[in-house]
Amino acid sequence: MLKNKKNILGPVIRQLRLKKDLTQERFVAKLNLLGWDLSRDTFAKLESQVRWIPDSEVPILAAALDVDPGELFKLAAKKPTIKAG
C-alpha cells in the first residue's frame, strides 16, 4: 500500500539510475538535455516518493534510463516499495 507515498516509480527509478552509475545531478542533467527543466531537489523528491509523477513525465524518465515506459511499472509491481530513511 502507498500510505503517504505519492508514486510507485521512485524506488525503481533510483535502482535503475544507480545501475547506470549516475548521480542524481548527472541524471537530472540528462533529463534537462531531453527537454525537462527539472532541479536535483525536485528529482530527489520524485525518487523518495514525496512528489507525484504525472503520466506525461514517465516517457521522459524511461528514455533517460533507456527502458520502455511500461517496464518501469512492471518493475514497480514486482518489488515492494522501498521505505525512505
PDB file of N, CA and C in Angstrom:
ATOM      1  N   MET A   1       0.840  -1.183   0.000  1.00  0.00           N
ATOM      2  CA  MET A   1       0.000   0.000   0.000  1.00  0.00           C
ATOM      3  C   MET A   1       0.885   1.246   0.000  1.00  0.00           C
ATOM      4  N   LEU A   2       0.392   2.318  -0.575  1.00  0.00           N
ATOM      5  CA  LEU A   2       1.184   3.537  -0.710  1.00  0.00           C
ATOM      6  C   LEU A   2       0.875   4.563   0.372  1.00  0.00           C
ATOM      7  N   LYS A   3       0.807   4.149   1.592  1.00  0.00           N
ATOM      8  CA  LYS A   3       0.490   5.091   2.664  1.00  0.00           C
ATOM      9  C   LYS A   3       1.506   6.235   2.668  1.00  0.00           C
ATOM     10  N   ASN A   4       1.006   7.447   2.431  1.00  0.00           N
ATOM     11  CA  ASN A   4       1.811   8.667   2.392  1.00  0.00           C
ATOM     12  C   ASN A   4       2.833   8.707   1.256  1.00  0.00           C
ATOM     13  N   LYS A   5       2.777   7.785   0.332  1.00  0.00           N
ATOM     14  CA  LYS A   5       3.678   7.787  -0.821  1.00  0.00           C
ATOM     15  C   LYS A   5       2.922   8.367  -2.001  1.00  0.00           C
ATOM     16  N   LYS A   6       3.584   9.193  -2.782  1.00  0.00           N
ATOM     17  CA  LYS A   6       2.900   9.853  -3.887  1.00  0.00           C
ATOM     18  C   LYS A   6       3.168   9.213  -5.241  1.00  0.00           C
ATOM     19  N   ASN A   7       4.030   8.212  -5.293  1.00  0.00           N
ATOM     20  CA  ASN A   7       4.263   7.486  -6.544  1.00  0.00           C
ATOM     21  C   ASN A   7       4.820   6.101  -6.240  1.00  0.00           C
ATOM     22  N   ILE A   8       4.756   5.220  -7.232  1.00  0.00           N
ATOM     23  CA  ILE A   8       5.303   3.870  -7.062  1.00  0.00           C
ATOM     24  C   ILE A   8       6.601   3.680  -7.839  1.00  0.00           C
ATOM     25  N   LEU A   9       6.949   4.666  -8.661  1.00  0.00           N
ATOM     26  CA  LEU A   9       8.108   4.505  -9.538  1.00  0.00           C
ATOM     27  C   LEU A   9       9.418   5.021  -8.952  1.00  0.00           C
ATOM     28  N   GLY A  10       9.371   5.833  -7.919  1.00  0.00           N
ATOM     29  CA  GLY A  10      10.582   6.419  -7.354  1.00  0.00           C
ATOM     30  C   GLY A  10      11.682   5.417  -7.042  1.00  0.00           C
ATOM     31  N   PRO A  11      11.382   4.344  -6.306  1.00  0.00           N
ATOM     32  CA  PRO A  11      12.422   3.363  -5.992  1.00  0.00           C
ATOM     33  C   PRO A  11      12.971   2.649  -7.231  1.00  0.00           C
ATOM     34  N   VAL A  12      12.118   2.415  -8.218  1.00  0.00           N
ATOM     35  CA  VAL A  12      12.561   1.769  -9.458  1.00  0.00           C
ATOM     36  C   VAL A  12      13.494   2.703 -10.223  1.00  0.00           C
ATOM     37  N   ILE A  13      13.133   3.965 -10.287  1.00  0.00           N
ATOM     38  CA  ILE A  13      13.974   4.944 -10.981  1.00  0.00           C
ATOM     39  C   ILE A  13      15.330   5.045 -10.292  1.00  0.00           C
ATOM     40  N   ARG A  14      15.323   5.075  -8.959  1.00  0.00           N
ATOM     41  CA  ARG A  14      16.583   5.133  -8.200  1.00  0.00           C
ATOM     42  C   ARG A  14      17.444   3.908  -8.505  1.00  0.00           C
ATOM     43  N   GLN A  15      16.821   2.729  -8.467  1.00  0.00           N
ATOM     44  CA  GLN A  15      17.562   1.489  -8.707  1.00  0.00           C
ATOM     45  C   GLN A  15      18.190   1.492 -10.112  1.00  0.00           C
ATOM     46  N   LEU A  16      17.417   1.847 -11.112  1.00  0.00           N
ATOM     47  CA  LEU A  16      17.934   1.854 -12.489  1.00  0.00           C
ATOM     48  C   LEU A  16      19.000   2.929 -12.679  1.00  0.00           C
ATOM     49  N   ARG A  17      18.811   4.073 -12.038  1.00  0.00           N
ATOM     50  CA  ARG A  17      19.803   5.157 -12.129  1.00  0.00           C
ATOM     51  C   ARG A  17      21.129   4.704 -11.520  1.00  0.00           C
ATOM     52  N   LEU A  18      21.053   4.059 -10.372  1.00  0.00           N
ATOM     53  CA  LEU A  18      22.268   3.595  -9.707  1.00  0.00           C
ATOM     54  C   LEU A  18      22.959   2.488 -10.505  1.00  0.00           C
ATOM     55  N   LYS A  19      22.171   1.614 -11.153  1.00  0.00           N
ATOM     56  CA  LYS A  19      22.760   0.576 -12.008  1.00  0.00           C
ATOM     57  C   LYS A  19      23.570   1.194 -13.145  1.00  0.00           C
ATOM     58  N   LYS A  20      23.155   2.381 -13.584  1.00  0.00           N
ATOM     59  CA  LYS A  20      23.863   3.076 -14.657  1.00  0.00           C
ATOM     60  C   LYS A  20      24.990   3.954 -14.099  1.00  0.00           C
ATOM     61  N   ASP A  21      25.207   3.862 -12.793  1.00  0.00           N
ATOM     62  CA  ASP A  21      26.263   4.615 -12.113  1.00  0.00           C
ATOM     63  C   ASP A  21      26.126   6.122 -12.344  1.00  0.00           C
ATOM     64  N   LEU A  22      24.889   6.606 -12.261  1.00  0.00           N
ATOM     65  CA  LEU A  22      24.620   8.032 -12.429  1.00  0.00           C
ATOM     66  C   LEU A  22      24.246   8.659 -11.096  1.00  0.00           C
ATOM     67  N   THR A  23      24.859   9.779 -10.782  1.00  0.00           N
ATOM     68  CA  THR A  23      24.434  10.550  -9.617  1.00  0.00           C
ATOM     69  C   THR A  23      23.115  11.224  -9.959  1.00  0.00           C
ATOM     70  N   GLN A  24      22.436  11.724  -8.944  1.00  0.00           N
ATOM     71  CA  GLN A  24      21.216  12.479  -9.219  1.00  0.00           C
ATOM     72  C   GLN A  24      21.522  13.682 -10.105  1.00  0.00           C
ATOM     73  N   GLU A  25      22.622  14.353  -9.843  1.00  0.00           N
ATOM     74  CA  GLU A  25      22.989  15.533 -10.629  1.00  0.00           C
ATOM     75  C   GLU A  25      23.181  15.180 -12.103  1.00  0.00           C
ATOM     76  N   ARG A  26      23.887  14.095 -12.373  1.00  0.00           N
ATOM     77  CA  ARG A  26      24.127  13.691 -13.765  1.00  0.00           C
ATOM     78  C   ARG A  26      22.847  13.231 -14.445  1.00  0.00           C
ATOM     79  N   PHE A  27      21.986  12.541 -13.694  1.00  0.00           N
ATOM     80  CA  PHE A  27      20.735  12.082 -14.272  1.00  0.00           C
ATOM     81  C   PHE A  27      19.824  13.270 -14.584  1.00  0.00           C
ATOM     82  N   VAL A  28      19.763  14.234 -13.680  1.00  0.00           N
ATOM     83  CA  VAL A  28      18.952  15.437 -13.922  1.00  0.00           C
ATOM     84  C   VAL A  28      19.488  16.192 -15.136  1.00  0.00           C
ATOM     85  N   ALA A  29      20.799  16.241 -15.292  1.00  0.00           N
ATOM     86  CA  ALA A  29      21.376  16.889 -16.480  1.00  0.00           C
ATOM     87  C   ALA A  29      20.904  16.171 -17.749  1.00  0.00           C
ATOM     88  N   LYS A  30      20.841  14.850 -17.696  1.00  0.00           N
ATOM     89  CA  LYS A  30      20.358  14.072 -18.837  1.00  0.00           C
ATOM     90  C   LYS A  30      18.890  14.400 -19.118  1.00  0.00           C
ATOM     91  N   LEU A  31      18.086  14.489 -18.067  1.00  0.00           N
ATOM     92  CA  LEU A  31      16.679  14.861 -18.234  1.00  0.00           C
ATOM     93  C   LEU A  31      16.548  16.264 -18.830  1.00  0.00           C
ATOM     94  N   ASN A  32      17.393  17.176 -18.375  1.00  0.00           N
ATOM     95  CA  ASN A  32      17.377  18.542 -18.912  1.00  0.00           C
ATOM     96  C   ASN A  32      17.702  18.543 -20.399  1.00  0.00           C
ATOM     97  N   LEU A  33      18.650  17.713 -20.822  1.00  0.00           N
ATOM     98  CA  LEU A  33      19.000  17.616 -22.239  1.00  0.00           C
ATOM     99  C   LEU A  33      17.842  17.056 -23.063  1.00  0.00           C
ATOM    100  N   LEU A  34      16.989  16.261 -22.424  1.00  0.00           N
ATOM    101  CA  LEU A  34      15.813  15.714 -23.100  1.00  0.00           C
ATOM    102  C   LEU A  34      14.644  16.708 -23.101  1.00  0.00           C
ATOM    103  N   GLY A  35      14.859  17.885 -22.530  1.00  0.00           N
ATOM    104  CA  GLY A  35      13.849  18.935 -22.568  1.00  0.00           C
ATOM    105  C   GLY A  35      13.021  19.115 -21.307  1.00  0.00           C
ATOM    106  N   TRP A  36      13.366  18.407 -20.252  1.00  0.00           N
ATOM    107  CA  TRP A  36      12.622  18.544 -18.996  1.00  0.00           C
ATOM    108  C   TRP A  36      13.422  19.422 -18.042  1.00  0.00           C
ATOM    109  N   ASP A  37      12.956  20.623 -17.798  1.00  0.00           N
ATOM    110  CA  ASP A  37      13.618  21.569 -16.896  1.00  0.00           C
ATOM    111  C   ASP A  37      13.283  21.167 -15.460  1.00  0.00           C
ATOM    112  N   LEU A  38      14.186  20.434 -14.849  1.00  0.00           N
ATOM    113  CA  LEU A  38      13.964  19.845 -13.534  1.00  0.00           C
ATOM    114  C   LEU A  38      15.193  20.077 -12.666  1.00  0.00           C
ATOM    115  N   SER A  39      14.983  20.388 -11.395  1.00  0.00           N
ATOM    116  CA  SER A  39      16.111  20.560 -10.474  1.00  0.00           C
ATOM    117  C   SER A  39      16.437  19.237  -9.791  1.00  0.00           C
ATOM    118  N   ARG A  40      17.628  19.145  -9.216  1.00  0.00           N
ATOM    119  CA  ARG A  40      18.015  17.950  -8.481  1.00  0.00           C
ATOM    120  C   ARG A  40      17.133  17.781  -7.251  1.00  0.00           C
ATOM    121  N   ASP A  41      16.788  18.875  -6.593  1.00  0.00           N
ATOM    122  CA  ASP A  41      15.928  18.799  -5.406  1.00  0.00           C
ATOM    123  C   ASP A  41      14.553  18.220  -5.741  1.00  0.00           C
ATOM    124  N   THR A  42      13.982  18.647  -6.846  1.00  0.00           N
ATOM    125  CA  THR A  42      12.684  18.120  -7.261  1.00  0.00           C
ATOM    126  C   THR A  42      12.802  16.650  -7.637  1.00  0.00           C
ATOM    127  N   PHE A  43      13.902  16.299  -8.320  1.00  0.00           N
ATOM    128  CA  PHE A  43      14.113  14.901  -8.682  1.00  0.00           C
ATOM    129  C   PHE A  43      14.276  14.036  -7.437  1.00  0.00           C
ATOM    130  N   ALA A  44      14.970  14.535  -6.422  1.00  0.00           N
ATOM    131  CA  ALA A  44      15.141  13.777  -5.175  1.00  0.00           C
ATOM    132  C   ALA A  44      13.780  13.497  -4.536  1.00  0.00           C
ATOM    133  N   LYS A  45      12.871  14.448  -4.615  1.00  0.00           N
ATOM    134  CA  LYS A  45      11.524  14.245  -4.071  1.00  0.00           C
ATOM    135  C   LYS A  45      10.782  13.172  -4.861  1.00  0.00           C
ATOM    136  N   LEU A  46      11.009  13.134  -6.154  1.00  0.00           N
ATOM    137  CA  LEU A  46      10.396  12.115  -7.010  1.00  0.00           C
ATOM    138  C   LEU A  46      10.905  10.731  -6.603  1.00  0.00           C
ATOM    139  N   GLU A  47      12.220  10.597  -6.478  1.00  0.00           N
ATOM    140  CA  GLU A  47      12.808   9.301  -6.105  1.00  0.00           C
ATOM    141  C   GLU A  47      12.371   8.844  -4.716  1.00  0.00           C
ATOM    142  N   SER A  48      12.215   9.788  -3.808  1.00  0.00           N
ATOM    143  CA  SER A  48      11.850   9.426  -2.431  1.00  0.00           C
ATOM    144  C   SER A  48      10.339   9.342  -2.240  1.00  0.00           C
ATOM    145  N   GLN A  49       9.592   9.425  -3.332  1.00  0.00           N
ATOM    146  CA  GLN A  49       8.143   9.243  -3.349  1.00  0.00           C
ATOM    147  C   GLN A  49       7.378  10.359  -2.642  1.00  0.00           C
ATOM    148  N   VAL A  50       7.993  11.525  -2.547  1.00  0.00           N
ATOM    149  CA  VAL A  50       7.349  12.683  -1.926  1.00  0.00           C
ATOM    150  C   VAL A  50       6.602  13.500  -2.986  1.00  0.00           C
ATOM    151  N   ARG A  51       6.997  13.353  -4.246  1.00  0.00           N
ATOM    152  CA  ARG A  51       6.405  14.109  -5.349  1.00  0.00           C
ATOM    153  C   ARG A  51       5.641  13.170  -6.281  1.00  0.00           C
ATOM    154  N   TRP A  52       4.501  13.639  -6.774  1.00  0.00           N
ATOM    155  CA  TRP A  52       3.736  12.905  -7.779  1.00  0.00           C
ATOM    156  C   TRP A  52       4.539  12.807  -9.065  1.00  0.00           C
ATOM    157  N   ILE A  53       4.293  11.776  -9.860  1.00  0.00           N
ATOM    158  CA  ILE A  53       4.865  11.667 -11.201  1.00  0.00           C
ATOM    159  C   ILE A  53       3.697  11.643 -12.178  1.00  0.00           C
ATOM    160  N   PRO A  54       3.435  12.771 -12.836  1.00  0.00           N
ATOM    161  CA  PRO A  54       2.367  12.772 -13.840  1.00  0.00           C
ATOM    162  C   PRO A  54       2.710  11.808 -14.975  1.00  0.00           C
ATOM    163  N   ASP A  55       1.684  11.228 -15.587  1.00  0.00           N
ATOM    164  CA  ASP A  55       1.927  10.248 -16.651  1.00  0.00           C
ATOM    165  C   ASP A  55       2.722  10.842 -17.808  1.00  0.00           C
ATOM    166  N   SER A  56       2.647  12.143 -18.010  1.00  0.00           N
ATOM    167  CA  SER A  56       3.393  12.782 -19.098  1.00  0.00           C
ATOM    168  C   SER A  56       4.901  12.781 -18.852  1.00  0.00           C
ATOM    169  N   GLU A  57       5.331  12.578 -17.601  1.00  0.00           N
ATOM    170  CA  GLU A  57       6.761  12.563 -17.284  1.00  0.00           C
ATOM    171  C   GLU A  57       7.379  11.166 -17.376  1.00  0.00           C
ATOM    172  N   VAL A  58       6.546  10.139 -17.331  1.00  0.00           N
ATOM    173  CA  VAL A  58       7.049   8.763 -17.349  1.00  0.00           C
ATOM    174  C   VAL A  58       7.860   8.453 -18.611  1.00  0.00           C
ATOM    175  N   PRO A  59       7.411   8.833 -19.814  1.00  0.00           N
ATOM    176  CA  PRO A  59       8.206   8.533 -21.009  1.00  0.00           C
ATOM    177  C   PRO A  59       9.589   9.211 -21.010  1.00  0.00           C
ATOM    178  N   ILE A  60       9.680  10.397 -20.430  1.00  0.00           N
ATOM    179  CA  ILE A  60      10.975  11.092 -20.371  1.00  0.00           C
ATOM    180  C   ILE A  60      11.917  10.363 -19.415  1.00  0.00           C
ATOM    181  N   LEU A  61      11.392   9.961 -18.269  1.00  0.00           N
ATOM    182  CA  LEU A  61      12.201   9.194 -17.318  1.00  0.00           C
ATOM    183  C   LEU A  61      12.667   7.889 -17.946  1.00  0.00           C
ATOM    184  N   ALA A  62      11.759   7.214 -18.643  1.00  0.00           N
ATOM    185  CA  ALA A  62      12.103   5.946 -19.286  1.00  0.00           C
ATOM    186  C   ALA A  62      13.171   6.150 -20.355  1.00  0.00           C
ATOM    187  N   ALA A  63      13.035   7.203 -21.151  1.00  0.00           N
ATOM    188  CA  ALA A  63      14.026   7.480 -22.202  1.00  0.00           C
ATOM    189  C   ALA A  63      15.406   7.736 -21.593  1.00  0.00           C
ATOM    190  N   ALA A  64      15.441   8.474 -20.500  1.00  0.00           N
ATOM    191  CA  ALA A  64      16.722   8.771 -19.847  1.00  0.00           C
ATOM    192  C   ALA A  64      17.352   7.511 -19.258  1.00  0.00           C
ATOM    193  N   LEU A  65      16.519   6.523 -18.927  1.00  0.00           N
ATOM    194  CA  LEU A  65      17.011   5.263 -18.366  1.00  0.00           C
ATOM    195  C   LEU A  65      17.182   4.181 -19.426  1.00  0.00           C
ATOM    196  N   ASP A  66      16.838   4.505 -20.675  1.00  0.00           N
ATOM    197  CA  ASP A  66      16.929   3.563 -21.794  1.00  0.00           C
ATOM    198  C   ASP A  66      16.075   2.317 -21.573  1.00  0.00           C
ATOM    199  N   VAL A  67      14.853   2.518 -21.081  1.00  0.00           N
ATOM    200  CA  VAL A  67      13.902   1.428 -20.905  1.00  0.00           C
ATOM    201  C   VAL A  67      12.549   1.847 -21.482  1.00  0.00           C
ATOM    202  N   ASP A  68      11.702   0.870 -21.721  1.00  0.00           N
ATOM    203  CA  ASP A  68      10.336   1.129 -22.153  1.00  0.00           C
ATOM    204  C   ASP A  68       9.548   1.658 -20.947  1.00  0.00           C
ATOM    205  N   PRO A  69       8.681   2.654 -21.154  1.00  0.00           N
ATOM    206  CA  PRO A  69       7.906   3.172 -20.015  1.00  0.00           C
ATOM    207  C   PRO A  69       7.148   2.085 -19.250  1.00  0.00           C
ATOM    208  N   GLY A  70       6.593   1.119 -19.962  1.00  0.00           N
ATOM    209  CA  GLY A  70       5.872   0.041 -19.295  1.00  0.00           C
ATOM    210  C   GLY A  70       6.753  -0.785 -18.383  1.00  0.00           C
ATOM    211  N   GLU A  71       8.029  -0.866 -18.716  1.00  0.00           N
ATOM    212  CA  GLU A  71       8.978  -1.636 -17.894  1.00  0.00           C
ATOM    213  C   GLU A  71       9.100  -1.038 -16.496  1.00  0.00           C
ATOM    214  N   LEU A  72       9.006   0.279 -16.390  1.00  0.00           N
ATOM    215  CA  LEU A  72       9.071   0.912 -15.070  1.00  0.00           C
ATOM    216  C   LEU A  72       7.944   0.402 -14.174  1.00  0.00           C
ATOM    217  N   PHE A  73       6.737   0.313 -14.750  1.00  0.00           N
ATOM    218  CA  PHE A  73       5.596  -0.164 -13.966  1.00  0.00           C
ATOM    219  C   PHE A  73       5.697  -1.649 -13.661  1.00  0.00           C
ATOM    220  N   LYS A  74       6.220  -2.424 -14.608  1.00  0.00           N
ATOM    221  CA  LYS A  74       6.412  -3.856 -14.361  1.00  0.00           C
ATOM    222  C   LYS A  74       7.375  -4.076 -13.202  1.00  0.00           C
ATOM    223  N   LEU A  75       8.465  -3.321 -13.192  1.00  0.00           N
ATOM    224  CA  LEU A  75       9.444  -3.447 -12.108  1.00  0.00           C
ATOM    225  C   LEU A  75       8.844  -2.988 -10.777  1.00  0.00           C
ATOM    226  N   ALA A  76       8.051  -1.935 -10.813  1.00  0.00           N
ATOM    227  CA  ALA A  76       7.417  -1.443  -9.582  1.00  0.00           C
ATOM    228  C   ALA A  76       6.449  -2.467  -9.012  1.00  0.00           C
ATOM    229  N   ALA A  77       5.769  -3.199  -9.889  1.00  0.00           N
ATOM    230  CA  ALA A  77       4.809  -4.203  -9.434  1.00  0.00           C
ATOM    231  C   ALA A  77       5.499  -5.421  -8.822  1.00  0.00           C
ATOM    232  N   LYS A  78       6.730  -5.684  -9.221  1.00  0.00           N
ATOM    233  CA  LYS A  78       7.476  -6.852  -8.719  1.00  0.00           C
ATOM    234  C   LYS A  78       8.082  -6.623  -7.347  1.00  0.00           C
ATOM    235  N   LYS A  79       8.417  -5.391  -7.044  1.00  0.00           N
ATOM    236  CA  LYS A  79       9.148  -5.111  -5.826  1.00  0.00           C
ATOM    237  C   LYS A  79       8.282  -4.342  -4.832  1.00  0.00           C
ATOM    238  N   PRO A  80       8.431  -4.639  -3.560  1.00  0.00           N
ATOM    239  CA  PRO A  80       7.749  -3.812  -2.566  1.00  0.00           C
ATOM    240  C   PRO A  80       8.386  -2.414  -2.559  1.00  0.00           C
ATOM    241  N   THR A  81       7.619  -1.433  -2.174  1.00  0.00           N
ATOM    242  CA  THR A  81       8.108  -0.066  -2.129  1.00  0.00           C
ATOM    243  C   THR A  81       9.225   0.054  -1.087  1.00  0.00           C
ATOM    244  N   ILE A  82      10.306   0.701  -1.467  1.00  0.00           N
ATOM    245  CA  ILE A  82      11.442   0.909  -0.568  1.00  0.00           C
ATOM    246  C   ILE A  82      11.088   2.054   0.381  1.00  0.00           C
ATOM    247  N   LYS A  83      11.282   1.821   1.657  1.00  0.00           N
ATOM    248  CA  LYS A  83      10.978   2.863   2.648  1.00  0.00           C
ATOM    249  C   LYS A  83      12.133   3.850   2.704  1.00  0.00           C
ATOM    250  N   ALA A  84      11.807   5.126   2.703  1.00  0.00           N
ATOM    251  CA  ALA A  84      12.816   6.187   2.810  1.00  0.00           C
ATOM    252  C   ALA A  84      13.237   6.317   4.267  1.00  0.00           C
ATOM    253  N   GLY A  85      14.510   6.678   4.448  1.00  0.00           N
ATOM    254  CA  GLY A  85      15.006   6.972   5.772  1.00  0.00           C
ATOM    255  C   GLY A  85      15.457   5.775   6.447  1.00  0.00           C
TER     256      GLY A  85
END
